Amino acid sequence: MDPIVVVGSIAGILTTISFVPQVARAWKLKETRDLSLAMLLLFSAGVLLWTLYGFWVSSLPIIAANTVTFFLILVLIWLKIRYK
């Protein structure tokens, strides 16, 4: 595998799984007060654009990481709205 793809894959995995503890905490505690809805919405828009970019440049690491990240952010947005 190309070293650049390996680096991109590792970066994508790390940045994506960084959201898992936040989702788990919000889900467990039913608390999202410390999360800014504006930040989540802006970040989700950016991640969606990164996903589109990944398709345009045919980069599986970008597509995969940002698709999973987008899903995790949507869960956080849903929890933010639900527990408001």
PDB file of N, CA and C in Angstrom:
ATOM      1  N   MET A   1       0.844  -1.182   0.000  1.00  0.00           N
ATOM      2  CA  MET A   1       0.000   0.000   0.000  1.00  0.00           C
ATOM      3  C   MET A   1       0.889   1.245   0.000  1.00  0.00           C
ATOM      4  N   ASP A   2       0.444   2.243  -0.693  1.00  0.00           N
ATOM      5  CA  ASP A   2       1.162   3.515  -0.797  1.00  0.00           C
ATOM      6  C   ASP A   2       1.285   4.164   0.592  1.00  0.00           C
ATOM      7  N   PRO A   3       2.487   4.616   0.974  1.00  0.00           N
ATOM      8  CA  PRO A   3       2.667   5.236   2.303  1.00  0.00           C
ATOM      9  C   PRO A   3       1.760   6.440   2.530  1.00  0.00           C
ATOM     10  N   ILE A   4       1.474   7.182   1.503  1.00  0.00           N
ATOM     11  CA  ILE A   4       0.586   8.344   1.653  1.00  0.00           C
ATOM     12  C   ILE A   4      -0.822   7.895   2.025  1.00  0.00           C
ATOM     13  N   VAL A   5      -1.280   6.805   1.430  1.00  0.00           N
ATOM     14  CA  VAL A   5      -2.602   6.272   1.749  1.00  0.00           C
ATOM     15  C   VAL A   5      -2.614   5.728   3.179  1.00  0.00           C
ATOM     16  N   VAL A   6      -1.515   5.117   3.603  1.00  0.00           N
ATOM     17  CA  VAL A   6      -1.418   4.612   4.976  1.00  0.00           C
ATOM     18  C   VAL A   6      -1.512   5.769   5.973  1.00  0.00           C
ATOM     19  N   VAL A   7      -0.753   6.824   5.728  1.00  0.00           N
ATOM     20  CA  VAL A   7      -0.795   7.998   6.609  1.00  0.00           C
ATOM     21  C   VAL A   7      -2.196   8.595   6.633  1.00  0.00           C
ATOM     22  N   GLY A   8      -2.811   8.736   5.463  1.00  0.00           N
ATOM     23  CA  GLY A   8      -4.174   9.271   5.389  1.00  0.00           C
ATOM     24  C   GLY A   8      -5.169   8.394   6.117  1.00  0.00           C
ATOM     25  N   SER A   9      -4.993   7.090   5.996  1.00  0.00           N
ATOM     26  CA  SER A   9      -5.894   6.156   6.678  1.00  0.00           C
ATOM     27  C   SER A   9      -5.750   6.248   8.190  1.00  0.00           C
ATOM     28  N   ILE A  10      -4.524   6.290   8.670  1.00  0.00           N
ATOM     29  CA  ILE A  10      -4.286   6.408  10.120  1.00  0.00           C
ATOM     30  C   ILE A  10      -4.842   7.731  10.640  1.00  0.00           C
ATOM     31  N   ALA A  11      -4.603   8.803   9.913  1.00  0.00           N
ATOM     32  CA  ALA A  11      -5.130  10.116  10.320  1.00  0.00           C
ATOM     33  C   ALA A  11      -6.653  10.082  10.375  1.00  0.00           C
ATOM     34  N   GLY A  12      -7.267   9.496   9.373  1.00  0.00           N
ATOM     35  CA  GLY A  12      -8.726   9.397   9.342  1.00  0.00           C
ATOM     36  C   GLY A  12      -9.272   8.582  10.490  1.00  0.00           C
ATOM     37  N   ILE A  13      -8.624   7.467  10.782  1.00  0.00           N
ATOM     38  CA  ILE A  13      -9.067   6.618  11.894  1.00  0.00           C
ATOM     39  C   ILE A  13      -8.970   7.380  13.215  1.00  0.00           C
ATOM     40  N   LEU A  14      -7.847   8.037  13.449  1.00  0.00           N
ATOM     41  CA  LEU A  14      -7.654   8.750  14.713  1.00  0.00           C
ATOM     42  C   LEU A  14      -8.637   9.905  14.883  1.00  0.00           C
ATOM     43  N   THR A  15      -8.812  10.706  13.838  1.00  0.00           N
ATOM     44  CA  THR A  15      -9.729  11.848  13.968  1.00  0.00           C
ATOM     45  C   THR A  15     -11.177  11.388  14.078  1.00  0.00           C
ATOM     46  N   THR A  16     -11.496  10.280  13.441  1.00  0.00           N
ATOM     47  CA  THR A  16     -12.860   9.769  13.518  1.00  0.00           C
ATOM     48  C   THR A  16     -13.161   9.194  14.893  1.00  0.00           C
ATOM     49  N   ILE A  17     -12.263   8.351  15.405  1.00  0.00           N
ATOM     50  CA  ILE A  17     -12.549   7.733  16.704  1.00  0.00           C
ATOM     51  C   ILE A  17     -12.468   8.738  17.850  1.00  0.00           C
ATOM     52  N   SER A  18     -11.921   9.905  17.585  1.00  0.00           N
ATOM     53  CA  SER A  18     -11.881  10.925  18.641  1.00  0.00           C
ATOM     54  C   SER A  18     -13.290  11.377  19.031  1.00  0.00           C
ATOM     55  N   PHE A  19     -14.268  11.165  18.158  1.00  0.00           N
ATOM     56  CA  PHE A  19     -15.643  11.549  18.465  1.00  0.00           C
ATOM     57  C   PHE A  19     -16.375  10.483  19.282  1.00  0.00           C
ATOM     58  N   VAL A  20     -15.899   9.265  19.264  1.00  0.00           N
ATOM     59  CA  VAL A  20     -16.589   8.169  19.943  1.00  0.00           C
ATOM     60  C   VAL A  20     -16.743   8.426  21.444  1.00  0.00           C
ATOM     61  N   PRO A  21     -15.690   8.848  22.166  1.00  0.00           N
ATOM     62  CA  PRO A  21     -15.881   9.109  23.607  1.00  0.00           C
ATOM     63  C   PRO A  21     -16.915  10.211  23.877  1.00  0.00           C
ATOM     64  N   GLN A  22     -16.981  11.211  23.017  1.00  0.00           N
ATOM     65  CA  GLN A  22     -17.952  12.289  23.215  1.00  0.00           C
ATOM     66  C   GLN A  22     -19.373  11.780  23.010  1.00  0.00           C
ATOM     67  N   VAL A  23     -19.573  10.988  21.976  1.00  0.00           N
ATOM     68  CA  VAL A  23     -20.896  10.406  21.724  1.00  0.00           C
ATOM     69  C   VAL A  23     -21.285   9.488  22.885  1.00  0.00           C
ATOM     70  N   ALA A  24     -20.361   8.645  23.320  1.00  0.00           N
ATOM     71  CA  ALA A  24     -20.647   7.723  24.428  1.00  0.00           C
ATOM     72  C   ALA A  24     -20.984   8.484  25.705  1.00  0.00           C
ATOM     73  N   ARG A  25     -20.241   9.554  25.982  1.00  0.00           N
ATOM     74  CA  ARG A  25     -20.484  10.338  27.193  1.00  0.00           C
ATOM     75  C   ARG A  25     -21.852  11.015  27.140  1.00  0.00           C
ATOM     76  N   ALA A  26     -22.153  11.639  26.004  1.00  0.00           N
ATOM     77  CA  ALA A  26     -23.440  12.323  25.856  1.00  0.00           C
ATOM     78  C   ALA A  26     -24.592  11.329  25.962  1.00  0.00           C
ATOM     79  N   TRP A  27     -24.404  10.166  25.362  1.00  0.00           N
ATOM     80  CA  TRP A  27     -25.442   9.136  25.399  1.00  0.00           C
ATOM     81  C   TRP A  27     -25.643   8.625  26.831  1.00  0.00           C
ATOM     82  N   LYS A  28     -24.552   8.340  27.514  1.00  0.00           N
ATOM     83  CA  LYS A  28     -24.611   7.775  28.866  1.00  0.00           C
ATOM     84  C   LYS A  28     -25.178   8.767  29.877  1.00  0.00           C
ATOM     85  N   LEU A  29     -24.668  10.001  29.839  1.00  0.00           N
ATOM     86  CA  LEU A  29     -25.078  11.001  30.828  1.00  0.00           C
ATOM     87  C   LEU A  29     -26.343  11.755  30.437  1.00  0.00           C
ATOM     88  N   LYS A  30     -26.772  11.581  29.178  1.00  0.00           N
ATOM     89  CA  LYS A  30     -27.929  12.341  28.665  1.00  0.00           C
ATOM     90  C   LYS A  30     -27.709  13.841  28.874  1.00  0.00           C
ATOM     91  N   GLU A  31     -26.491  14.275  28.588  1.00  0.00           N
ATOM     92  CA  GLU A  31     -26.068  15.659  28.825  1.00  0.00           C
ATOM     93  C   GLU A  31     -25.246  16.158  27.644  1.00  0.00           C
ATOM     94  N   THR A  32     -25.678  17.266  27.069  1.00  0.00           N
ATOM     95  CA  THR A  32     -24.946  17.853  25.936  1.00  0.00           C
ATOM     96  C   THR A  32     -24.782  19.358  26.113  1.00  0.00           C
ATOM     97  N   ARG A  33     -24.963  19.833  27.325  1.00  0.00           N
ATOM     98  CA  ARG A  33     -24.900  21.267  27.604  1.00  0.00           C
ATOM     99  C   ARG A  33     -23.591  21.899  27.143  1.00  0.00           C
ATOM    100  N   ASP A  34     -22.501  21.170  27.269  1.00  0.00           N
ATOM    101  CA  ASP A  34     -21.184  21.715  26.915  1.00  0.00           C
ATOM    102  C   ASP A  34     -20.894  21.686  25.419  1.00  0.00           C
ATOM    103  N   LEU A  35     -21.789  21.125  24.632  1.00  0.00           N
ATOM    104  CA  LEU A  35     -21.589  21.071  23.185  1.00  0.00           C
ATOM    105  C   LEU A  35     -22.333  22.218  22.517  1.00  0.00           C
ATOM    106  N   SER A  36     -21.643  22.937  21.677  1.00  0.00           N
ATOM    107  CA  SER A  36     -22.259  24.043  20.949  1.00  0.00           C
ATOM    108  C   SER A  36     -22.956  23.496  19.701  1.00  0.00           C
ATOM    109  N   LEU A  37     -24.253  23.757  19.581  1.00  0.00           N
ATOM    110  CA  LEU A  37     -24.996  23.317  18.407  1.00  0.00           C
ATOM    111  C   LEU A  37     -24.450  23.979  17.144  1.00  0.00           C
ATOM    112  N   ALA A  38     -24.090  25.245  17.246  1.00  0.00           N
ATOM    113  CA  ALA A  38     -23.529  25.948  16.082  1.00  0.00           C
ATOM    114  C   ALA A  38     -22.238  25.274  15.619  1.00  0.00           C
ATOM    115  N   MET A  39     -21.367  24.899  16.558  1.00  0.00           N
ATOM    116  CA  MET A  39     -20.120  24.222  16.194  1.00  0.00           C
ATOM    117  C   MET A  39     -20.416  22.884  15.537  1.00  0.00           C
ATOM    118  N   LEU A  40     -21.354  22.136  16.099  1.00  0.00           N
ATOM    119  CA  LEU A  40     -21.687  20.834  15.526  1.00  0.00           C
ATOM    120  C   LEU A  40     -22.237  20.979  14.111  1.00  0.00           C
ATOM    121  N   LEU A  41     -23.076  21.964  13.885  1.00  0.00           N
ATOM    122  CA  LEU A  41     -23.645  22.176  12.549  1.00  0.00           C
ATOM    123  C   LEU A  41     -22.582  22.615  11.548  1.00  0.00           C
ATOM    124  N   LEU A  42     -21.729  23.535  11.953  1.00  0.00           N
ATOM    125  CA  LEU A  42     -20.655  23.982  11.068  1.00  0.00           C
ATOM    126  C   LEU A  42     -19.670  22.852  10.776  1.00  0.00           C
ATOM    127  N   PHE A  43     -19.329  22.101  11.806  1.00  0.00           N
ATOM    128  CA  PHE A  43     -18.392  20.998  11.627  1.00  0.00           C
ATOM    129  C   PHE A  43     -18.985  19.934  10.720  1.00  0.00           C
ATOM    130  N   SER A  44     -20.272  19.644  10.896  1.00  0.00           N
ATOM    131  CA  SER A  44     -20.910  18.640  10.042  1.00  0.00           C
ATOM    132  C   SER A  44     -20.931  19.088   8.589  1.00  0.00           C
ATOM    133  N   ALA A  45     -21.134  20.380   8.346  1.00  0.00           N
ATOM    134  CA  ALA A  45     -21.093  20.887   6.973  1.00  0.00           C
ATOM    135  C   ALA A  45     -19.688  20.722   6.385  1.00  0.00           C
ATOM    136  N   GLY A  46     -18.675  21.026   7.175  1.00  0.00           N
ATOM    137  CA  GLY A  46     -17.299  20.856   6.717  1.00  0.00           C
ATOM    138  C   GLY A  46     -16.964  19.403   6.431  1.00  0.00           C
ATOM    139  N   VAL A  47     -17.406  18.505   7.296  1.00  0.00           N
ATOM    140  CA  VAL A  47     -17.149  17.077   7.104  1.00  0.00           C
ATOM    141  C   VAL A  47     -17.872  16.563   5.864  1.00  0.00           C
ATOM    142  N   LEU A  48     -19.082  17.049   5.646  1.00  0.00           N
ATOM    143  CA  LEU A  48     -19.817  16.666   4.439  1.00  0.00           C
ATOM    144  C   LEU A  48     -19.077  17.123   3.185  1.00  0.00           C
ATOM    145  N   LEU A  49     -18.540  18.332   3.220  1.00  0.00           N
ATOM    146  CA  LEU A  49     -17.759  18.819   2.081  1.00  0.00           C
ATOM    147  C   LEU A  49     -16.480  18.013   1.888  1.00  0.00           C
ATOM    148  N   TRP A  50     -15.831  17.624   2.975  1.00  0.00           N
ATOM    149  CA  TRP A  50     -14.645  16.767   2.873  1.00  0.00           C
ATOM    150  C   TRP A  50     -15.010  15.430   2.229  1.00  0.00           C
ATOM    151  N   THR A  51     -16.183  14.896   2.585  1.00  0.00           N
ATOM    152  CA  THR A  51     -16.634  13.642   1.989  1.00  0.00           C
ATOM    153  C   THR A  51     -16.817  13.804   0.483  1.00  0.00           C
ATOM    154  N   LEU A  52     -17.461  14.880   0.074  1.00  0.00           N
ATOM    155  CA  LEU A  52     -17.638  15.153  -1.363  1.00  0.00           C
ATOM    156  C   LEU A  52     -16.291  15.297  -2.053  1.00  0.00           C
ATOM    157  N   TYR A  53     -15.376  15.995  -1.416  1.00  0.00           N
ATOM    158  CA  TYR A  53     -14.023  16.144  -1.948  1.00  0.00           C
ATOM    159  C   TYR A  53     -13.365  14.775  -2.117  1.00  0.00           C
ATOM    160  N   GLY A  54     -13.539  13.912  -1.130  1.00  0.00           N
ATOM    161  CA  GLY A  54     -12.983  12.571  -1.203  1.00  0.00           C
ATOM    162  C   GLY A  54     -13.487  11.804  -2.416  1.00  0.00           C
ATOM    163  N   PHE A  55     -14.779  11.960  -2.719  1.00  0.00           N
ATOM    164  CA  PHE A  55     -15.324  11.318  -3.918  1.00  0.00           C
ATOM    165  C   PHE A  55     -14.719  11.921  -5.186  1.00  0.00           C
ATOM    166  N   TRP A  56     -14.573  13.243  -5.201  1.00  0.00           N
ATOM    167  CA  TRP A  56     -14.023  13.896  -6.399  1.00  0.00           C
ATOM    168  C   TRP A  56     -12.588  13.479  -6.684  1.00  0.00           C
ATOM    169  N   VAL A  57     -11.799  13.260  -5.623  1.00  0.00           N
ATOM    170  CA  VAL A  57     -10.400  12.876  -5.835  1.00  0.00           C
ATOM    171  C   VAL A  57     -10.197  11.363  -5.681  1.00  0.00           C
ATOM    172  N   SER A  58     -11.297  10.633  -5.509  1.00  0.00           N
ATOM    173  CA  SER A  58     -11.274   9.173  -5.382  1.00  0.00           C
ATOM    174  C   SER A  58     -10.342   8.703  -4.271  1.00  0.00           C
ATOM    175  N   SER A  59     -10.512   9.291  -3.081  1.00  0.00           N
ATOM    176  CA  SER A  59      -9.673   8.939  -1.930  1.00  0.00           C
ATOM    177  C   SER A  59     -10.505   8.188  -0.898  1.00  0.00           C
ATOM    178  N   LEU A  60     -10.315   6.875  -0.854  1.00  0.00           N
ATOM    179  CA  LEU A  60     -11.065   6.050   0.096  1.00  0.00           C
ATOM    180  C   LEU A  60     -10.848   6.464   1.552  1.00  0.00           C
ATOM    181  N   PRO A  61      -9.615   6.789   1.977  1.00  0.00           N
ATOM    182  CA  PRO A  61      -9.453   7.218   3.380  1.00  0.00           C
ATOM    183  C   PRO A  61     -10.273   8.465   3.712  1.00  0.00           C
ATOM    184  N   ILE A  62     -10.322   9.423   2.821  1.00  0.00           N
ATOM    185  CA  ILE A  62     -11.097  10.642   3.064  1.00  0.00           C
ATOM    186  C   ILE A  62     -12.584  10.325   3.091  1.00  0.00           C
ATOM    187  N   ILE A  63     -13.039   9.525   2.151  1.00  0.00           N
ATOM    188  CA  ILE A  63     -14.460   9.170   2.082  1.00  0.00           C
ATOM    189  C   ILE A  63     -14.880   8.415   3.334  1.00  0.00           C
ATOM    190  N   ALA A  64     -14.133   7.374   3.688  1.00  0.00           N
ATOM    191  CA  ALA A  64     -14.512   6.525   4.823  1.00  0.00           C
ATOM    192  C   ALA A  64     -14.487   7.295   6.139  1.00  0.00           C
ATOM    193  N   ALA A  65     -13.388   7.992   6.397  1.00  0.00           N
ATOM    194  CA  ALA A  65     -13.261   8.705   7.667  1.00  0.00           C
ATOM    195  C   ALA A  65     -14.343   9.762   7.824  1.00  0.00           C
ATOM    196  N   ASN A  66     -14.575  10.511   6.794  1.00  0.00           N
ATOM    197  CA  ASN A  66     -15.544  11.600   6.908  1.00  0.00           C
ATOM    198  C   ASN A  66     -16.985  11.116   6.900  1.00  0.00           C
ATOM    199  N   THR A  67     -17.256   9.996   6.258  1.00  0.00           N
ATOM    200  CA  THR A  67     -18.604   9.435   6.314  1.00  0.00           C
ATOM    201  C   THR A  67     -18.923   8.984   7.738  1.00  0.00           C
ATOM    202  N   VAL A  68     -17.992   8.287   8.373  1.00  0.00           N
ATOM    203  CA  VAL A  68     -18.208   7.837   9.758  1.00  0.00           C
ATOM    204  C   VAL A  68     -18.270   9.034  10.698  1.00  0.00           C
ATOM    205  N   THR A  69     -17.370   9.998  10.514  1.00  0.00           N
ATOM    206  CA  THR A  69     -17.382  11.201  11.354  1.00  0.00           C
ATOM    207  C   THR A  69     -18.700  11.944  11.209  1.00  0.00           C
ATOM    208  N   PHE A  70     -19.202  12.061   9.990  1.00  0.00           N
ATOM    209  CA  PHE A  70     -20.473  12.745   9.750  1.00  0.00           C
ATOM    210  C   PHE A  70     -21.594  12.043  10.510  1.00  0.00           C
ATOM    211  N   PHE A  71     -21.610  10.723  10.476  1.00  0.00           N
ATOM    212  CA  PHE A  71     -22.618   9.968  11.219  1.00  0.00           C
ATOM    213  C   PHE A  71     -22.517  10.247  12.718  1.00  0.00           C
ATOM    214  N   LEU A  72     -21.293  10.236  13.260  1.00  0.00           N
ATOM    215  CA  LEU A  72     -21.107  10.500  14.691  1.00  0.00           C
ATOM    216  C   LEU A  72     -21.553  11.912  15.062  1.00  0.00           C
ATOM    217  N   ILE A  73     -21.289  12.866  14.204  1.00  0.00           N
ATOM    218  CA  ILE A  73     -21.722  14.240  14.475  1.00  0.00           C
ATOM    219  C   ILE A  73     -23.240  14.335  14.423  1.00  0.00           C
ATOM    220  N   LEU A  74     -23.855  13.619  13.469  1.00  0.00           N
ATOM    221  CA  LEU A  74     -25.319  13.615  13.417  1.00  0.00           C
ATOM    222  C   LEU A  74     -25.908  13.042  14.702  1.00  0.00           C
ATOM    223  N   VAL A  75     -25.269  12.020  15.257  1.00  0.00           N
ATOM    224  CA  VAL A  75     -25.725  11.461  16.535  1.00  0.00           C
ATOM    225  C   VAL A  75     -25.608  12.517  17.629  1.00  0.00           C
ATOM    226  N   LEU A  76     -24.492  13.243  17.657  1.00  0.00           N
ATOM    227  CA  LEU A  76     -24.327  14.302  18.664  1.00  0.00           C
ATOM    228  C   LEU A  76     -25.373  15.404  18.488  1.00  0.00           C
ATOM    229  N   ILE A  77     -25.660  15.775  17.258  1.00  0.00           N
ATOM    230  CA  ILE A  77     -26.686  16.801  17.006  1.00  0.00           C
ATOM    231  C   ILE A  77     -28.040  16.291  17.493  1.00  0.00           C
ATOM    232  N   TRP A  78     -28.342  15.043  17.186  1.00  0.00           N
ATOM    233  CA  TRP A  78     -29.605  14.456  17.627  1.00  0.00           C
ATOM    234  C   TRP A  78     -29.689  14.448  19.152  1.00  0.00           C
ATOM    235  N   LEU A  79     -28.592  14.047  19.809  1.00  0.00           N
ATOM    236  CA  LEU A  79     -28.582  14.042  21.272  1.00  0.00           C
ATOM    237  C   LEU A  79     -28.707  15.452  21.827  1.00  0.00           C
ATOM    238  N   LYS A  80     -28.044  16.409  21.188  1.00  0.00           N
ATOM    239  CA  LYS A  80     -28.115  17.816  21.624  1.00  0.00           C
ATOM    240  C   LYS A  80     -29.562  18.302  21.580  1.00  0.00           C
ATOM    241  N   ILE A  81     -30.252  17.988  20.513  1.00  0.00           N
ATOM    242  CA  ILE A  81     -31.647  18.412  20.377  1.00  0.00           C
ATOM    243  C   ILE A  81     -32.542  17.640  21.349  1.00  0.00           C
ATOM    244  N   ARG A  82     -32.310  16.354  21.472  1.00  0.00           N
ATOM    245  CA  ARG A  82     -33.131  15.498  22.335  1.00  0.00           C
ATOM    246  C   ARG A  82     -33.008  15.860  23.805  1.00  0.00           C
ATOM    247  N   TYR A  83     -31.810  16.138  24.269  1.00  0.00           N
ATOM    248  CA  TYR A  83     -31.571  16.403  25.698  1.00  0.00           C
ATOM    249  C   TYR A  83     -31.558  17.882  26.037  1.00  0.00           C
ATOM    250  N   LYS A  84     -32.016  18.729  25.156  1.00  0.00           N
ATOM    251  CA  LYS A  84     -31.988  20.163  25.402  1.00  0.00           C
ATOM    252  C   LYS A  84     -32.856  20.549  26.587  1.00  0.00           C
TER     253      LYS A  84
END
